[in-house]
């Protein structure tokens, strides 16, 4: 299989070994609670695609939305605290 990159591999900007860097892994780990909350919301929404939502489904989706919002808030607060050195 041919590579679609036409520039020489000696370019420092294109040096990619196929593995995520430590910084990328740390970013994913930092965002993991939000990712899991979004997956739960998606699961709740998928359950109601082919049928009308029951009261239980609506509660499940409302809780999942609230959890996503809370995780977004918490992630934002963690990032701001990291950038400001803990002083907010």
Protein backbone atom coordinates (compact mmCIF):
# COMPACT_ATOMS: atom_id res chain seq x y z
CA UNK A 1 0.00 0.00 0.00
CA UNK A 2 1.38 3.39 -0.97
CA UNK A 3 1.54 6.27 1.44
CA UNK A 4 -0.46 9.33 0.44
CA UNK A 5 2.10 11.66 2.01
CA UNK A 6 4.32 13.02 -0.72
CA UNK A 7 6.77 15.01 1.42
CA UNK A 8 9.99 13.38 2.57
CA UNK A 9 9.80 11.41 5.81
CA UNK A 10 12.70 13.46 7.19
CA UNK A 11 10.36 16.34 7.91
CA UNK A 12 10.08 16.82 11.69
CA UNK A 13 6.45 17.90 11.37
CA UNK A 14 5.50 14.61 9.73
CA UNK A 15 7.35 12.30 12.09
CA UNK A 16 4.52 10.10 13.31
CA UNK A 17 5.06 6.63 14.72
CA UNK A 18 1.37 5.69 14.82
CA UNK A 19 1.07 5.89 18.59
CA UNK A 20 -0.49 8.71 20.62
CA UNK A 21 1.87 10.88 22.58
CA UNK A 22 1.83 11.06 26.36
CA UNK A 23 0.18 14.48 26.15
CA UNK A 24 -2.60 13.08 23.94
CA UNK A 25 -3.18 10.18 26.32
CA UNK A 26 -3.32 12.57 29.27
CA UNK A 27 -5.89 14.71 27.43
CA UNK A 28 -8.06 11.66 26.73
CA UNK A 29 -7.79 10.57 30.36
CA UNK A 30 -8.80 14.06 31.49
CA UNK A 31 -11.85 14.00 29.20
CA UNK A 32 -12.86 10.38 29.92
CA UNK A 33 -15.67 11.20 32.41
CA UNK A 34 -17.26 13.49 29.80
CA UNK A 35 -16.83 10.89 27.07
CA UNK A 36 -18.53 8.24 29.20
CA UNK A 37 -21.39 10.62 30.06
CA UNK A 38 -21.90 11.37 26.36
CA UNK A 39 -21.94 7.64 25.58
CA UNK A 40 -24.63 7.13 28.23
CA UNK A 41 -26.69 9.94 26.68
CA UNK A 42 -26.29 8.42 23.24
CA UNK A 43 -27.38 5.01 24.57
CA UNK A 44 -30.48 6.58 26.12
CA UNK A 45 -31.32 8.32 22.85
CA UNK A 46 -30.74 5.19 20.77
CA UNK A 47 -33.22 3.24 22.89
CA UNK A 48 -36.01 5.59 21.82
CA UNK A 49 -35.29 5.70 18.08
CA UNK A 50 -37.80 3.07 17.00
CA UNK A 51 -40.50 3.57 19.62
CA UNK A 52 -42.15 6.39 21.53
CA UNK A 53 -40.29 7.47 24.65
CA UNK A 54 -41.86 6.33 27.89
CA UNK A 55 -41.71 8.34 31.09
CA UNK A 56 -38.79 6.18 32.21
CA UNK A 57 -36.96 6.88 28.94
CA UNK A 58 -37.51 10.61 29.33
CA UNK A 59 -36.12 10.50 32.87
CA UNK A 60 -33.12 8.47 31.70
CA UNK A 61 -32.38 10.99 28.93
CA UNK A 62 -32.86 13.96 31.28
CA UNK A 63 -30.45 12.45 33.81
CA UNK A 64 -27.94 11.65 31.06
CA UNK A 65 -28.16 15.24 29.72
CA UNK A 66 -27.67 16.63 33.22
CA UNK A 67 -24.66 14.37 33.73
CA UNK A 68 -23.13 15.55 30.44
CA UNK A 69 -23.61 19.17 31.48
CA UNK A 70 -22.09 18.50 34.90
CA UNK A 71 -19.09 16.72 33.38
CA UNK A 72 -18.56 19.58 30.91
CA UNK A 73 -18.63 22.05 33.80
CA UNK A 74 -16.20 19.93 35.82
CA UNK A 75 -13.85 19.50 32.85
CA UNK A 76 -13.87 23.23 32.18
CA UNK A 77 -13.11 23.95 35.83
CA UNK A 78 -10.24 21.40 35.84
CA UNK A 79 -8.71 22.87 32.67
CA UNK A 80 -8.99 26.43 33.96
CA UNK A 81 -7.42 25.38 37.26
CA UNK A 82 -4.57 23.71 35.39
CA UNK A 83 -3.97 26.77 33.19
CA UNK A 84 -4.08 29.26 36.05
CA UNK A 85 -2.06 27.13 38.41
CA UNK A 86 -4.97 26.35 40.70
CA UNK A 87 -5.94 29.97 41.32
CA UNK A 88 -9.40 30.76 40.01
